[in-house]
């Protein structure tokens, strides 16, 4: 358990928007909404189908969706790729929004998975919200693992129709936000973020410069308005000033207990908890003891007009949570609270060795029609590798096999394929690939190379004969020229096929 700490930062500036990408999925047009510029998704994804929602009166960002085919795509991911190269060392808020609208013809929306880079984020289940006509959103905080941040949807064994998405937001966060957590090792998935005692619409941008959503909470639990003269000038994590205009409080010096967050939480995770307080009392400062499920969280908290946040980076929760605020011994004033956030702490996924990722991206670019799921991390999460890609996990995660036989590929074979030095087998047969055969000599462990039934030209690289472990080389039915290297003909243990086809290839002497 991580003990709770208190943090106050003064003289920060509210209301300076730091930028972000706001994607209206499935839309062909941009739009301005609540001061944010939304863009079509076509610049961030190259697969899926745009569909319109047949319902009047929807918020514009819910009126279209992008769907991804379920058929033959179990455990295959479809990814948006958001450029973050200039801000790749910054953590990012990621929000996905879903409104089904019956686009698949089923009464209930599908259940599927969402992934960020190599991190499994969560299962997406919007059934309950959709049943009452509401949208669903998921929010997390992630550190990019490369120059693009990938946000992916994928079918799992419970998916019964095409996965879909309505909107995607990616916003860089200032270093000071949530900086008690190492986001190279962990990620956040939002459980609850609330403005206590508030009864208006969800608070977001421009009140919150990062467009975090603060939902109303606790209207039946002693709400009070706070003084608008509070001197909150920017406490840690930069909650919006608006959340300090209301509070939950008791006038008497007695405990205040809240069932918060509202629903049960999953016990196998730790949680990061942030509680926000500010008070307009200056003559006799309010002092609190805080406990969660009966466990002391923080004692003798002095609540001042400048504001304060009490946090724990990793705190165990299980099921229903009771947050209790008790006047400290000797205090004559009742407790209060203004706002709070709870995040599930996720282990950040690993990443495939960068040289392999770069090589796979170059190979993707050299193919004119690569598989639709060739986006995001090639190997991770481990149940969602790219089509035809086999990886080996360990201290370094490497691509060890490519099997793209009969995939209808055209284009050429990038020479950067040879940067994936852990490859032991390559199957590219029965496609429509042109160009020449790369020099595979850097692949010291290559055992099998199948390039048959393509349109490859040029000569056979003699360096293939120097690969110690090569035992299968299939080159038949191409347009190869020149002679067959003698070190291939005489190589012991090698199964070599170069006929039929290759009419301009000089056969070895009889």
Protein backbone atom coordinates (compact mmCIF):
# COMPACT_ATOMS: atom_id res chain seq x y z
CA UNK A 1 0.00 0.00 0.00
CA UNK A 2 1.22 3.52 -0.78
CA UNK A 3 0.41 5.99 1.98
CA UNK A 4 -1.47 9.12 1.03
CA UNK A 5 0.42 12.40 0.65
CA UNK A 6 -0.63 16.02 0.48
CA UNK A 7 0.47 18.43 -2.24
CA UNK A 8 -0.13 22.13 -2.87
CA UNK A 9 1.20 24.15 -5.83
CA UNK A 10 0.44 27.84 -6.07
CA UNK A 11 0.58 30.43 -8.83
CA UNK A 12 -0.12 28.09 -11.73
CA UNK A 13 -2.15 29.42 -14.65
CA UNK A 14 -5.62 28.12 -15.45
CA UNK A 15 -7.24 28.16 -18.87
CA UNK A 16 -4.20 27.76 -21.16
CA UNK A 17 -5.13 25.06 -23.66
CA UNK A 18 -2.20 22.86 -24.56
CA UNK A 19 -3.58 21.35 -27.74
CA UNK A 20 -4.65 17.86 -28.75
CA UNK A 21 -6.25 15.82 -31.50
CA UNK A 22 -10.05 15.51 -31.53
CA UNK A 23 -11.27 12.94 -34.06
CA UNK A 24 -14.87 12.59 -35.21
CA UNK A 25 -14.81 8.94 -36.25
CA UNK A 26 -16.56 8.08 -39.49
CA UNK A 27 -17.14 11.72 -40.42
CA UNK A 28 -16.05 13.33 -43.68
CA UNK A 29 -16.12 16.89 -42.36
CA UNK A 30 -14.53 18.86 -39.56
CA UNK A 31 -16.56 20.80 -37.03
CA UNK A 32 -16.20 23.19 -34.10
CA UNK A 33 -17.90 22.11 -30.89
CA UNK A 34 -17.63 23.82 -27.50
CA UNK A 35 -14.47 25.61 -28.55
CA UNK A 36 -12.70 22.46 -29.81
CA UNK A 37 -11.88 21.72 -33.45
CA UNK A 38 -12.87 18.20 -34.45
CA UNK A 39 -11.40 16.60 -37.57
CA UNK A 40 -12.40 13.65 -39.78
CA UNK A 41 -10.63 10.38 -39.02
CA UNK A 42 -9.39 9.60 -42.52
CA UNK A 43 -5.92 10.97 -41.81
CA UNK A 44 -5.43 8.59 -38.89
CA UNK A 45 -6.76 5.24 -40.09
CA UNK A 46 -6.91 3.42 -43.41
CA UNK A 47 -9.42 0.65 -42.74
CA UNK A 48 -12.97 0.24 -41.51
CA UNK A 49 -16.30 1.57 -42.77
CA UNK A 50 -17.93 4.94 -42.07
CA UNK A 51 -21.59 4.76 -41.07
CA UNK A 52 -24.27 7.26 -40.11
CA UNK A 53 -26.48 6.91 -37.04
CA UNK A 54 -30.17 7.12 -37.95
CA UNK A 55 -31.31 9.19 -34.97
CA UNK A 56 -32.23 12.84 -34.81
CA UNK A 57 -30.87 15.28 -32.28
CA UNK A 58 -27.54 13.63 -31.56
CA UNK A 59 -24.45 15.59 -30.69
CA UNK A 60 -22.56 15.86 -34.02
CA UNK A 61 -19.67 13.69 -32.84
CA UNK A 62 -22.11 10.84 -32.16
CA UNK A 63 -23.88 11.04 -35.53
CA UNK A 64 -21.25 8.93 -37.32
CA UNK A 65 -19.17 5.90 -36.38
CA UNK A 66 -16.40 3.84 -37.93
CA UNK A 67 -16.93 0.07 -37.80
CA UNK A 68 -14.44 -2.74 -38.27
CA UNK A 69 -15.34 -6.14 -39.73
CA UNK A 70 -15.70 -9.00 -37.27
CA UNK A 71 -15.66 -11.79 -39.86
CA UNK A 72 -12.29 -13.58 -39.93
CA UNK A 73 -10.83 -10.92 -37.62
CA UNK A 74 -11.01 -12.46 -34.15
CA UNK A 75 -8.09 -11.13 -32.07
CA UNK A 76 -7.02 -8.77 -34.84
CA UNK A 77 -6.68 -5.11 -33.96
CA UNK A 78 -7.61 -2.06 -36.00
CA UNK A 79 -5.67 1.02 -34.99
CA UNK A 80 -5.78 4.76 -35.18
CA UNK A 81 -2.25 6.15 -35.30
CA UNK A 82 -1.79 9.63 -33.83
CA UNK A 83 1.55 11.40 -34.51
CA UNK A 84 3.14 12.45 -31.22
CA UNK A 85 6.80 12.64 -32.21
CA UNK A 86 7.40 16.14 -30.85
CA UNK A 87 5.64 15.20 -27.59
CA UNK A 88 6.58 11.53 -27.34
CA UNK A 89 8.12 12.05 -23.87
CA UNK A 90 4.83 13.44 -22.54
CA UNK A 91 2.00 11.38 -21.12
CA UNK A 92 -1.28 11.72 -22.99
CA UNK A 93 -4.91 11.64 -22.02
CA UNK A 94 -6.80 9.27 -24.32
CA UNK A 95 -10.60 9.22 -24.45
CA UNK A 96 -12.70 6.91 -26.61
CA UNK A 97 -16.43 7.59 -27.00
CA UNK A 98 -19.05 5.10 -28.14
CA UNK A 99 -22.67 5.43 -29.20
CA UNK A 100 -23.94 2.34 -31.01
CA UNK A 101 -27.14 3.54 -32.67
CA UNK A 102 -27.92 0.06 -34.02
CA UNK A 103 -25.39 0.37 -36.86
CA UNK A 104 -24.75 -3.39 -36.99
CA UNK A 105 -28.42 -4.35 -37.07
CA UNK A 106 -28.29 -6.07 -33.67
CA UNK A 107 -30.34 -4.81 -30.77
CA UNK A 108 -27.40 -4.66 -28.40
CA UNK A 109 -23.97 -3.18 -29.07
CA UNK A 110 -20.98 -5.52 -29.43
CA UNK A 111 -18.45 -6.13 -26.67
CA UNK A 112 -14.81 -5.82 -27.71
CA UNK A 113 -11.33 -4.80 -26.51
CA UNK A 114 -9.41 -1.54 -26.70
CA UNK A 115 -5.62 -1.28 -26.74
CA UNK A 116 -3.13 1.59 -26.60
CA UNK A 117 0.25 0.78 -28.19
CA UNK A 118 1.25 -2.51 -26.52
CA UNK A 119 -0.98 -2.04 -23.45
CA UNK A 120 -4.28 -3.86 -23.09
CA UNK A 121 -6.54 -1.09 -21.82
CA UNK A 122 -10.01 -2.52 -21.21
CA UNK A 123 -13.04 -4.37 -22.49
CA UNK A 124 -15.56 -2.01 -24.11
CA UNK A 125 -19.09 -2.85 -22.99
CA UNK A 126 -21.60 -0.09 -23.68
CA UNK A 127 -24.75 -2.19 -23.23
CA UNK A 128 -26.10 -0.60 -20.04
CA UNK A 129 -25.59 3.00 -21.14
CA UNK A 130 -27.03 2.34 -24.60
CA UNK A 131 -30.12 0.74 -23.07
CA UNK A 132 -31.00 4.11 -21.50
CA UNK A 133 -30.08 6.08 -24.62
CA UNK A 134 -26.72 7.30 -23.35
CA UNK A 135 -23.21 7.33 -24.74
CA UNK A 136 -20.24 5.59 -23.12
CA UNK A 137 -16.73 6.92 -22.78
CA UNK A 138 -13.44 5.53 -21.52
CA UNK A 139 -10.49 7.63 -20.48
CA UNK A 140 -6.89 6.78 -19.68
CA UNK A 141 -3.43 8.24 -19.37
CA UNK A 142 -0.61 6.66 -21.39
CA UNK A 143 2.98 7.34 -22.35
CA UNK A 144 3.63 6.79 -26.09
CA UNK A 145 6.17 4.13 -27.01
CA UNK A 146 7.14 5.64 -30.36
CA UNK A 147 6.57 8.52 -32.74
CA UNK A 148 2.90 7.49 -33.10
CA UNK A 149 0.45 6.66 -30.36
CA UNK A 150 -1.85 3.86 -31.53
CA UNK A 151 -5.39 3.42 -30.21
CA UNK A 152 -6.85 0.11 -31.34
CA UNK A 153 -10.10 -1.84 -31.24
CA UNK A 154 -10.18 -5.62 -31.46
CA UNK A 155 -12.76 -8.39 -31.40
CA UNK A 156 -12.63 -10.90 -28.56
CA UNK A 157 -14.50 -14.18 -28.01
CA UNK A 158 -17.60 -12.29 -26.81
CA UNK A 159 -17.82 -10.00 -29.84
CA UNK A 160 -20.97 -10.78 -31.87
CA UNK A 161 -20.92 -7.92 -34.41
CA UNK A 162 -18.53 -5.33 -35.81
CA UNK A 163 -16.59 -3.23 -33.27
CA UNK A 164 -17.23 0.51 -33.66
CA UNK A 165 -16.14 3.91 -32.34
CA UNK A 166 -17.74 7.36 -32.35
CA UNK A 167 -14.95 9.70 -31.25
CA UNK A 168 -11.31 9.67 -30.18
CA UNK A 169 -9.40 12.34 -28.25
CA UNK A 170 -5.65 12.44 -27.57
CA UNK A 171 -4.40 15.34 -25.43
CA UNK A 172 -0.83 15.82 -24.13
CA UNK A 173 -0.64 16.48 -20.40
CA UNK A 174 1.79 18.76 -18.62
CA UNK A 175 4.59 17.04 -16.74
CA UNK A 176 3.21 18.11 -13.35
CA UNK A 177 -0.07 16.23 -13.81
CA UNK A 178 -0.18 12.85 -12.04
CA UNK A 179 3.63 12.88 -11.84
CA UNK A 180 3.73 10.65 -8.78
CA UNK A 181 3.32 7.73 -11.23
CA UNK A 182 6.01 6.40 -13.58
CA UNK A 183 4.14 6.22 -16.87
CA UNK A 184 6.94 4.26 -18.51
CA UNK A 185 5.94 1.40 -16.23
CA UNK A 186 2.25 2.08 -15.61
CA UNK A 187 -0.85 3.52 -17.27
CA UNK A 188 -4.13 4.87 -15.89
CA UNK A 189 -7.69 3.87 -16.70
CA UNK A 190 -10.26 6.28 -15.29
CA UNK A 191 -12.73 4.83 -12.79
CA UNK A 192 -14.40 8.05 -11.66
CA UNK A 193 -13.83 11.81 -11.74
CA UNK A 194 -16.37 13.93 -9.93
CA UNK A 195 -17.26 17.42 -8.85
CA UNK A 196 -18.96 16.88 -5.49
CA UNK A 197 -22.22 18.65 -4.78
CA UNK A 198 -22.48 19.87 -8.37
CA UNK A 199 -25.74 19.49 -10.32
CA UNK A 200 -24.91 20.96 -13.74
CA UNK A 201 -23.71 19.40 -17.01
CA UNK A 202 -20.40 17.56 -17.14
CA UNK A 203 -17.50 19.99 -16.66
CA UNK A 204 -14.96 19.87 -19.49
CA UNK A 205 -13.25 22.33 -21.81
CA UNK A 206 -12.84 25.30 -21.50
CA UNK A 207 -13.18 25.02 -17.69
CA UNK A 208 -10.71 22.13 -17.78
CA UNK A 209 -7.92 23.05 -20.15
CA UNK A 210 -7.19 19.36 -20.86
CA UNK A 211 -10.88 18.56 -21.46
CA UNK A 212 -11.03 16.10 -18.60
CA UNK A 213 -14.65 15.28 -17.72
CA UNK A 214 -15.83 16.05 -14.17
CA UNK A 215 -19.26 14.50 -13.56
CA UNK A 216 -21.78 15.61 -10.91
CA UNK A 217 -21.86 13.54 -7.72
CA UNK A 218 -23.63 13.46 -4.39
CA UNK A 219 -26.62 15.74 -4.77
CA UNK A 220 -28.40 13.69 -2.09
CA UNK A 221 -25.45 13.85 0.30
CA UNK A 222 -25.26 17.30 1.91
CA UNK A 223 -24.34 19.53 -1.06
CA UNK A 224 -23.30 23.11 -0.43
CA UNK A 225 -22.10 25.97 -2.58
CA UNK A 226 -18.61 27.24 -1.83
CA UNK A 227 -17.63 30.87 -1.72
CA UNK A 228 -16.75 32.26 -5.13
CA UNK A 229 -13.96 34.20 -3.41
CA UNK A 230 -11.81 31.14 -2.84
CA UNK A 231 -8.16 31.86 -3.63
CA UNK A 232 -7.56 28.57 -5.50
CA UNK A 233 -4.87 29.50 -7.99
CA UNK A 234 -3.79 26.12 -9.25
CA UNK A 235 -3.25 23.07 -7.11
CA UNK A 236 -1.43 19.99 -8.31
CA UNK A 237 -3.04 18.26 -11.31
CA UNK A 238 -4.72 21.58 -12.20
CA UNK A 239 -8.36 20.73 -11.50
CA UNK A 240 -10.66 23.41 -12.95
CA UNK A 241 -11.63 26.28 -10.67
CA UNK A 242 -15.27 25.42 -11.26
CA UNK A 243 -15.09 22.25 -9.14
CA UNK A 244 -14.33 24.42 -6.09
CA UNK A 245 -17.60 26.33 -6.46
CA UNK A 246 -19.54 23.41 -4.94
CA UNK A 247 -18.80 20.85 -2.28
CA UNK A 248 -20.24 18.13 -0.11
CA UNK A 249 -20.14 19.17 3.50
CA UNK A 250 -21.70 18.78 6.93
CA UNK A 251 -22.37 21.72 9.20
CA UNK A 252 -21.89 19.67 12.34
CA UNK A 253 -18.62 18.17 13.52
CA UNK A 254 -19.57 14.61 12.55
CA UNK A 255 -18.33 12.14 9.91
CA UNK A 256 -19.37 12.35 6.27
CA UNK A 257 -19.33 8.97 4.48
CA UNK A 258 -19.67 8.65 0.71
CA UNK A 259 -20.05 5.53 -1.42
CA UNK A 260 -17.46 6.69 -3.91
CA UNK A 261 -16.69 5.75 -6.58
CA UNK A 262 -20.30 4.87 -7.24
CA UNK A 263 -19.81 1.31 -8.49
CA UNK A 264 -17.71 -1.66 -7.38
CA UNK A 265 -14.06 -1.81 -8.43
CA UNK A 266 -11.97 -4.78 -9.55
CA UNK A 267 -9.89 -6.11 -6.64
CA UNK A 268 -6.81 -7.37 -8.49
CA UNK A 269 -5.60 -3.84 -9.31
CA UNK A 270 -4.19 -0.95 -7.34
CA UNK A 271 -5.74 2.48 -7.68
CA UNK A 272 -4.47 6.06 -7.77
CA UNK A 273 -6.74 8.34 -5.75
CA UNK A 274 -6.75 12.15 -5.79
CA UNK A 275 -8.99 14.15 -3.44
CA UNK A 276 -9.36 17.94 -3.79
CA UNK A 277 -10.27 20.39 -1.02
CA UNK A 278 -10.57 24.14 -0.57
CA UNK A 279 -12.28 26.14 2.17
CA UNK A 280 -13.32 29.75 2.65
CA UNK A 281 -12.81 29.56 6.41
CA UNK A 282 -9.68 31.43 7.49
CA UNK A 283 -10.34 32.24 11.15
CA UNK A 284 -10.66 28.62 12.23
CA UNK A 285 -9.21 26.29 9.56
CA UNK A 286 -11.07 23.06 8.95
CA UNK A 287 -9.09 19.93 9.90
CA UNK A 288 -10.01 16.43 8.65
CA UNK A 289 -9.11 12.79 9.05
CA UNK A 290 -9.70 10.71 5.91
CA UNK A 291 -10.21 6.96 5.71
CA UNK A 292 -11.10 4.55 2.93
CA UNK A 293 -12.96 1.38 3.85
CA UNK A 294 -11.94 1.96 7.43
CA UNK A 295 -8.22 2.26 6.65
CA UNK A 296 -6.60 5.61 7.54
CA UNK A 297 -5.82 7.50 4.34
CA UNK A 298 -4.63 10.86 5.69
CA UNK A 299 -4.90 12.46 9.13
CA UNK A 300 -4.98 16.07 10.27
CA UNK A 301 -5.53 17.58 6.84
CA UNK A 302 -5.81 21.35 7.13
CA UNK A 303 -8.09 22.69 4.38
CA UNK A 304 -7.15 26.21 3.29
CA UNK A 305 -8.55 28.66 0.70
CA UNK A 306 -5.52 28.08 -1.54
CA UNK A 307 -6.63 24.49 -2.04
CA UNK A 308 -4.95 21.16 -1.43
CA UNK A 309 -4.89 17.69 -2.99
CA UNK A 310 -4.38 14.46 -1.06
CA UNK A 311 -3.21 11.53 -3.16
CA UNK A 312 -2.07 7.93 -3.08
CA UNK A 313 -0.31 6.52 -6.13
CA UNK A 314 -1.23 2.89 -5.48
CA UNK A 315 -3.99 2.04 -3.05
CA UNK A 316 -5.81 -1.33 -2.92
CA UNK A 317 -9.58 -1.22 -3.37
CA UNK A 318 -12.06 -4.09 -3.50
CA UNK A 319 -15.74 -3.91 -4.41
CA UNK A 320 -17.77 -1.06 -2.90
CA UNK A 321 -15.70 1.82 -1.51
CA UNK A 322 -16.56 3.92 1.55
CA UNK A 323 -14.82 7.28 1.72
CA UNK A 324 -15.15 8.76 5.21
CA UNK A 325 -14.23 12.33 6.18
CA UNK A 326 -14.13 12.91 9.93
CA UNK A 327 -13.40 16.13 11.82
CA UNK A 328 -10.00 15.74 13.43
CA UNK A 329 -9.91 15.59 17.25
CA UNK A 330 -10.54 19.07 18.60
CA UNK A 331 -12.05 20.38 15.36
CA UNK A 332 -15.43 22.07 15.72
CA UNK A 333 -16.28 22.26 12.02
CA UNK A 334 -17.86 19.62 9.81
CA UNK A 335 -15.98 17.90 6.95
CA UNK A 336 -16.06 18.90 3.28
CA UNK A 337 -14.77 17.73 -0.08
CA UNK A 338 -14.88 19.42 -3.50
CA UNK A 339 -13.71 16.88 -6.08
CA UNK A 340 -12.02 13.57 -6.59
CA UNK A 341 -10.44 11.25 -9.15
CA UNK A 342 -9.84 7.49 -9.07
CA UNK A 343 -7.76 5.66 -11.66
CA UNK A 344 -7.11 1.96 -12.07
CA UNK A 345 -3.34 1.48 -12.31
CA UNK A 346 -2.48 -0.75 -15.27
CA UNK A 347 0.89 -2.31 -15.99
CA UNK A 348 2.18 -0.61 -19.12
CA UNK A 349 2.71 -3.08 -21.92
CA UNK A 350 6.17 -3.71 -23.27
CA UNK A 351 7.11 -2.80 -26.81
CA UNK A 352 8.62 -4.68 -29.71
CA UNK A 353 12.30 -3.96 -30.32
CA UNK A 354 12.33 -0.61 -32.18
CA UNK A 355 14.49 -1.87 -35.07
CA UNK A 356 11.92 -4.61 -35.72
CA UNK A 357 9.06 -2.10 -35.54
CA UNK A 358 10.79 0.19 -38.05
CA UNK A 359 11.49 -2.76 -40.35
CA UNK A 360 7.86 -3.94 -40.19
CA UNK A 361 6.62 -0.45 -40.99
CA UNK A 362 8.95 -0.25 -43.97
CA UNK A 363 7.76 -3.66 -45.12
CA UNK A 364 4.17 -2.45 -44.74
CA UNK A 365 4.98 0.58 -46.89
CA UNK A 366 6.62 -1.56 -49.58
CA UNK A 367 3.48 -3.68 -49.91
CA UNK A 368 0.70 -1.95 -51.82
CA UNK A 369 -2.02 -3.79 -49.92
CA UNK A 370 -0.72 -4.96 -46.55
CA UNK A 371 -3.08 -6.68 -44.09
CA UNK A 372 -5.59 -4.25 -42.61
CA UNK A 373 -4.44 -4.88 -39.04
CA UNK A 374 -0.80 -3.93 -39.70
CA UNK A 375 -0.89 -0.91 -37.39
CA UNK A 376 0.10 -0.42 -33.78
CA UNK A 377 2.72 -2.66 -32.19
CA UNK A 378 3.52 -5.69 -34.40
CA UNK A 379 3.75 -8.10 -31.45
CA UNK A 380 1.77 -6.67 -28.56
CA UNK A 381 -0.42 -7.29 -26.73
CA UNK A 382 0.67 -10.88 -27.21
CA UNK A 383 -2.83 -12.11 -28.16
CA UNK A 384 -3.02 -9.40 -30.87
CA UNK A 385 0.05 -9.70 -33.14
CA UNK A 386 -0.16 -8.52 -36.73
CA UNK A 387 -1.53 -10.99 -39.24
CA UNK A 388 1.18 -13.43 -40.28
CA UNK A 389 3.63 -12.25 -37.61
CA UNK A 390 5.06 -14.51 -34.91
CA UNK A 391 7.04 -12.99 -32.07
CA UNK A 392 9.26 -14.23 -29.28
CA UNK A 393 8.88 -12.58 -25.88
CA UNK A 394 11.74 -12.19 -23.45
CA UNK A 395 14.08 -9.44 -22.38
CA UNK A 396 13.69 -8.12 -25.93
CA UNK A 397 10.56 -8.78 -27.96
CA UNK A 398 11.50 -9.82 -31.50
CA UNK A 399 9.75 -10.80 -34.71
CA UNK A 400 10.86 -14.38 -35.48
CA UNK A 401 8.59 -15.46 -38.33
CA UNK A 402 6.56 -14.00 -41.20
CA UNK A 403 3.91 -16.14 -42.86
CA UNK A 404 2.10 -14.17 -45.58
CA UNK A 405 1.53 -16.99 -48.05
CA UNK A 406 -1.38 -16.39 -50.43
CA UNK A 407 -2.26 -13.02 -48.91
CA UNK A 408 -2.78 -11.31 -52.28
CA UNK A 409 0.17 -9.00 -51.66
CA UNK A 410 1.61 -6.76 -54.37
CA UNK A 411 4.48 -4.32 -54.33
CA UNK A 412 8.03 -5.25 -53.39
CA UNK A 413 10.05 -6.66 -50.49
CA UNK A 414 11.74 -3.85 -48.57
CA UNK A 415 15.45 -4.43 -48.05
CA UNK A 416 14.91 -3.32 -44.44
CA UNK A 417 13.31 -6.70 -43.79
CA UNK A 418 16.87 -7.79 -43.06
CA UNK A 419 16.98 -5.55 -39.96
CA UNK A 420 14.78 -8.12 -38.22
CA UNK A 421 17.78 -10.24 -37.37
CA UNK A 422 15.80 -12.71 -35.22
CA UNK A 423 13.83 -13.98 -38.21
CA UNK A 424 14.07 -17.74 -38.70
CA UNK A 425 11.38 -18.21 -41.36
CA UNK A 426 9.86 -16.07 -44.12
CA UNK A 427 6.88 -17.26 -46.16
CA UNK A 428 5.91 -14.84 -48.96
CA UNK A 429 4.85 -17.38 -51.57
CA UNK A 430 1.88 -17.17 -53.92
CA UNK A 431 1.54 -13.40 -54.03
CA UNK A 432 2.19 -10.79 -56.73
CA UNK A 433 5.44 -9.29 -55.50
CA UNK A 434 7.82 -7.56 -57.91
CA UNK A 435 11.35 -6.28 -57.60
CA UNK A 436 14.49 -8.12 -56.59
CA UNK A 437 15.41 -10.47 -53.76
CA UNK A 438 17.04 -8.56 -50.88
CA UNK A 439 20.43 -9.56 -49.48
CA UNK A 440 19.37 -11.72 -46.54
CA UNK A 441 22.90 -12.22 -45.20
CA UNK A 442 22.22 -10.26 -41.95
CA UNK A 443 19.65 -12.93 -40.98
CA UNK A 444 22.16 -15.36 -39.54
CA UNK A 445 19.48 -17.64 -38.09
CA UNK A 446 17.26 -17.84 -41.19
CA UNK A 447 16.13 -21.41 -41.82
CA UNK A 448 13.27 -21.15 -44.31
CA UNK A 449 12.75 -18.69 -47.18
CA UNK A 450 9.73 -19.15 -49.45
CA UNK A 451 9.42 -16.64 -52.31
CA UNK A 452 7.81 -18.92 -54.90
CA UNK A 453 4.92 -17.98 -57.19
CA UNK A 454 5.57 -14.23 -57.40
CA UNK A 455 6.98 -11.90 -60.10
CA UNK A 456 10.43 -11.36 -58.63
CA UNK A 457 13.28 -10.56 -61.04
CA UNK A 458 17.02 -10.05 -60.98
CA UNK A 459 19.60 -12.54 -59.81
CA UNK A 460 19.72 -14.90 -56.87
CA UNK A 461 21.99 -13.32 -54.21
CA UNK A 462 25.04 -15.59 -53.67
CA UNK A 463 24.99 -14.56 -50.00
CA UNK A 464 22.04 -16.93 -49.49
CA UNK A 465 24.50 -19.80 -49.74
CA UNK A 466 26.41 -18.46 -46.74
CA UNK A 467 23.44 -18.71 -44.36
CA UNK A 468 24.51 -21.54 -42.08
CA UNK A 469 21.04 -22.72 -41.03
CA UNK A 470 19.16 -22.27 -44.30
CA UNK A 471 17.38 -25.54 -45.12
CA UNK A 472 14.51 -24.49 -47.44
CA UNK A 473 14.76 -22.05 -50.34
CA UNK A 474 11.76 -21.96 -52.70
CA UNK A 475 12.12 -19.65 -55.72
CA UNK A 476 10.07 -21.36 -58.45
CA UNK A 477 7.62 -19.51 -60.72
CA UNK A 478 9.32 -16.10 -60.69
CA UNK A 479 11.24 -14.13 -63.35
CA UNK A 480 14.75 -14.62 -62.02
CA UNK A 481 17.79 -14.28 -64.29
CA UNK A 482 21.48 -15.19 -64.24
CA UNK A 483 22.92 -18.37 -62.85
CA UNK A 484 22.22 -20.26 -59.68
CA UNK A 485 25.03 -19.62 -57.17
CA UNK A 486 27.21 -22.67 -56.80
CA UNK A 487 27.26 -22.43 -53.02
CA UNK A 488 23.49 -23.00 -53.04
CA UNK A 489 23.72 -26.01 -55.34
CA UNK A 490 26.34 -27.65 -53.17
CA UNK A 491 24.94 -26.62 -49.79
CA UNK A 492 24.33 -29.75 -47.69
CA UNK A 493 20.87 -30.20 -46.17
CA UNK A 494 19.28 -27.49 -48.35
CA UNK A 495 16.02 -28.13 -50.20
CA UNK A 496 16.32 -25.81 -53.21
CA UNK A 497 13.51 -25.29 -55.72
CA UNK A 498 13.84 -22.93 -58.67
CA UNK A 499 11.69 -24.73 -61.31
CA UNK A 500 9.17 -24.57 -62.86
CA UNK A 501 9.19 -20.99 -64.06
CA UNK A 502 12.22 -18.66 -64.15
CA UNK A 503 12.76 -19.21 -67.90
CA UNK A 504 15.78 -16.88 -67.97
CA UNK A 505 17.55 -18.56 -65.09
CA UNK A 506 20.62 -20.53 -66.17
CA UNK A 507 20.39 -24.06 -64.81
CA UNK A 508 23.43 -25.64 -63.16
CA UNK A 509 25.64 -27.84 -65.34
CA UNK A 510 24.46 -31.42 -65.64
